[in-house]
Protein backbone atom coordinates (compact mmCIF):
# COMPACT_ATOMS: atom_id res chain seq x y z
CA MET A 1 -7.36 10.83 -4.97
CA ALA A 2 -6.47 8.78 -1.91
CA ALA A 3 -5.16 5.97 -4.12
CA ALA A 4 -2.91 8.41 -5.97
CA VAL A 5 -1.50 9.73 -2.69
CA ARG A 6 -0.83 6.16 -1.50
CA ARG A 7 0.97 5.34 -4.74
CA LEU A 8 3.04 8.51 -4.48
CA ARG A 9 4.01 7.79 -0.87
CA LYS A 10 4.92 4.22 -1.79
CA ARG A 11 6.98 5.43 -4.76
CA LEU A 12 8.86 8.06 -2.75
CA GLY A 13 9.29 6.25 0.54
CA ARG A 14 10.72 7.94 3.61
CA ARG A 15 13.94 9.16 2.06
CA GLY A 16 12.26 10.37 -1.13
CA THR A 17 9.68 12.31 0.86
CA ALA A 18 12.47 14.00 2.82
CA LEU A 19 14.25 14.89 -0.42
CA VAL A 20 11.07 16.33 -1.98
CA ILE A 21 10.47 18.55 1.06
CA LEU A 22 14.12 19.64 1.26
CA GLY A 23 14.32 20.28 -2.48
CA LEU A 24 11.16 22.37 -2.67
CA ALA A 25 12.18 24.37 0.41
CA LYS A 26 15.60 25.17 -1.07
CA VAL A 27 14.11 26.24 -4.41
CA CYS A 28 11.63 28.52 -2.62
CA PHE A 29 14.37 30.03 -0.45
CA GLY A 30 16.54 30.67 -3.50
CA LEU A 31 13.66 32.20 -5.44
CA GLY A 32 13.07 34.60 -2.55
CA TYR A 33 16.54 36.06 -3.00
CA ALA A 34 16.46 35.83 -6.80
CA LEU A 35 13.15 37.66 -7.26
CA GLN A 36 13.67 40.32 -4.60
CA PRO A 37 17.35 40.50 -3.68
CA ASP A 38 18.51 42.36 -0.60
CA PRO A 39 21.13 44.89 -1.79
CA GLY A 40 23.37 44.35 1.24
CA PRO A 41 22.51 41.18 3.16
CA VAL A 42 24.00 41.41 6.63
CA GLY A 43 26.38 38.62 7.55
CA LEU A 44 26.92 37.34 4.03
CA GLY A 45 29.81 39.65 3.18
CA LEU A 46 32.14 36.71 2.56
CA LEU A 47 29.83 35.54 -0.22
CA THR A 48 28.88 38.91 -1.70
CA ARG A 49 32.55 39.82 -2.09
CA TRP A 50 32.78 37.13 -4.76
CA ALA A 51 29.36 37.35 -6.42
CA ASP A 52 26.00 39.08 -6.25
CA ILE A 53 23.35 37.64 -3.94
CA ARG A 54 21.36 36.57 -7.03
CA CYS A 55 24.24 34.32 -8.00
CA TRP A 56 24.23 32.77 -4.54
CA SER A 57 20.47 32.34 -4.72
CA SER A 58 21.01 30.22 -7.82
CA LEU A 59 23.06 27.86 -5.62
CA TRP A 60 19.93 27.25 -3.54
CA ILE A 61 17.75 26.83 -6.64
CA ILE A 62 20.10 24.44 -8.46
CA CYS A 63 20.83 22.33 -5.38
CA GLY A 64 17.11 22.28 -4.56
CA ALA A 65 16.28 21.05 -8.05
CA VAL A 66 18.93 18.31 -7.81
CA THR A 67 17.62 17.33 -4.37
CA PHE A 68 14.05 17.18 -5.68
CA GLY A 69 15.09 15.18 -8.73
CA CYS A 70 16.99 12.62 -6.65
CA ALA A 71 13.85 11.96 -4.60
CA TRP A 72 12.55 9.86 -7.48
CA LEU A 73 15.60 7.60 -7.61
CA ARG A 74 15.87 4.24 -5.86
CA VAL A 75 17.39 3.99 -2.41
CA GLY A 76 21.15 3.83 -2.75
CA ARG A 77 21.12 6.03 -5.82
CA ASP A 78 19.64 9.05 -4.02
CA TRP A 79 22.90 9.96 -2.27
CA LEU A 80 23.55 12.90 -4.59
CA GLY A 81 20.29 14.48 -3.42
CA PHE A 82 21.46 14.51 0.18
CA ILE A 83 24.84 15.97 -0.79
CA ALA A 84 23.11 18.66 -2.87
CA ALA A 85 20.85 19.41 0.09
CA LEU A 86 23.91 19.94 2.32
CA VAL A 87 25.76 22.40 0.10
CA PRO A 88 23.70 25.64 0.42
CA PRO A 89 23.21 25.62 4.21
CA PHE A 90 26.86 24.65 4.68
CA VAL A 91 28.02 27.55 2.48
CA TRP A 92 25.70 30.11 4.08
CA GLY A 93 26.36 28.83 7.60
CA SER A 94 30.09 29.13 6.97
CA ALA A 95 29.63 32.71 5.76
CA TYR A 96 27.68 33.62 8.90
CA LEU A 97 30.30 31.92 11.09
CA TRP A 98 33.05 33.90 9.33
CA ALA A 99 31.10 37.12 9.83
CA ALA A 100 30.76 36.35 13.54
CA LEU A 101 34.43 35.48 13.99
CA THR A 102 35.62 38.62 12.19
CA GLY A 103 33.19 40.85 14.10
CA GLU A 104 31.31 41.88 10.96
CA TYR A 105 28.06 40.40 12.28
CA PRO A 106 28.15 39.16 15.91
CA ARG A 107 24.72 37.56 15.60
CA GLY A 108 26.17 35.40 12.82
CA LEU A 109 27.26 32.79 15.37
CA ALA A 110 23.64 32.06 16.29
CA ILE A 111 22.60 31.91 12.64
CA ALA A 112 25.55 29.65 11.79
CA ALA A 113 24.54 27.33 14.63
CA TRP A 114 20.96 27.34 13.33
CA TYR A 115 22.14 26.36 9.85
CA ALA A 116 24.40 23.67 11.33
CA ILE A 117 21.81 22.14 13.64
CA GLY A 118 18.58 22.93 11.84
CA HIS A 119 19.75 22.10 8.35
CA VAL A 120 23.02 20.19 8.14
CA CYS A 121 22.42 17.83 11.09
CA LEU A 122 18.82 17.22 10.05
CA ILE A 123 19.89 16.38 6.48
CA LEU A 124 22.62 14.04 7.75
CA TRP A 125 20.06 12.32 9.97
CA ALA A 126 17.55 11.99 7.10
CA ALA A 127 20.27 10.47 4.91
CA SER A 128 20.88 7.80 7.54
CA VAL A 129 17.23 6.82 7.98
CA PRO A 130 16.59 3.36 6.56
CA GLU A 131 13.87 3.18 3.95
CA TYR A 132 12.01 0.42 5.72
CA SER A 133 12.42 -0.47 9.34
CA VAL A 134 11.43 -4.03 10.05
CA PRO A 135 10.58 -4.85 13.65
CA GLY A 136 12.18 -7.89 15.19
CA PRO A 137 10.21 -11.09 15.66
CA ALA A 138 7.45 -10.87 18.22
CA ARG A 139 8.23 -12.56 21.49
CA ARG A 140 5.62 -14.80 22.98
CA LYS A 141 4.56 -14.31 26.55
CA GLY A 142 6.54 -16.47 28.87
CA ALA A 143 9.22 -17.21 26.28
CA ARG A 144 12.80 -16.46 27.14
């Protein structure tokens, strides 16, 4: 079992592991709204004017599946996974920001900030993490 976990970690690497976690989380979040939709989600009026919340939950599910699938690609080819991971929180954060600015949902500003910092910024950071960080050469004591 331990050997299988080591092989999996080696296969995924840092970026792949981040994409697996992000992808699974997005699919689970989307399934929550798809299986038991809230009839009138507060703060998402901008989205629900155009489509039912189940439709928007499919955005989370599809983008999560793409993110998860891209985890298995080589570094440099996994960029689509990070873009797919950005789309749902960007869309929902924008809807909450709009709701706050129009006065529909004043608390939307805090939720939009949470999506921006807790999701979008974290995904952008994970996309910039190098797969392998190699330390510089060791310096000997007394060497300049």
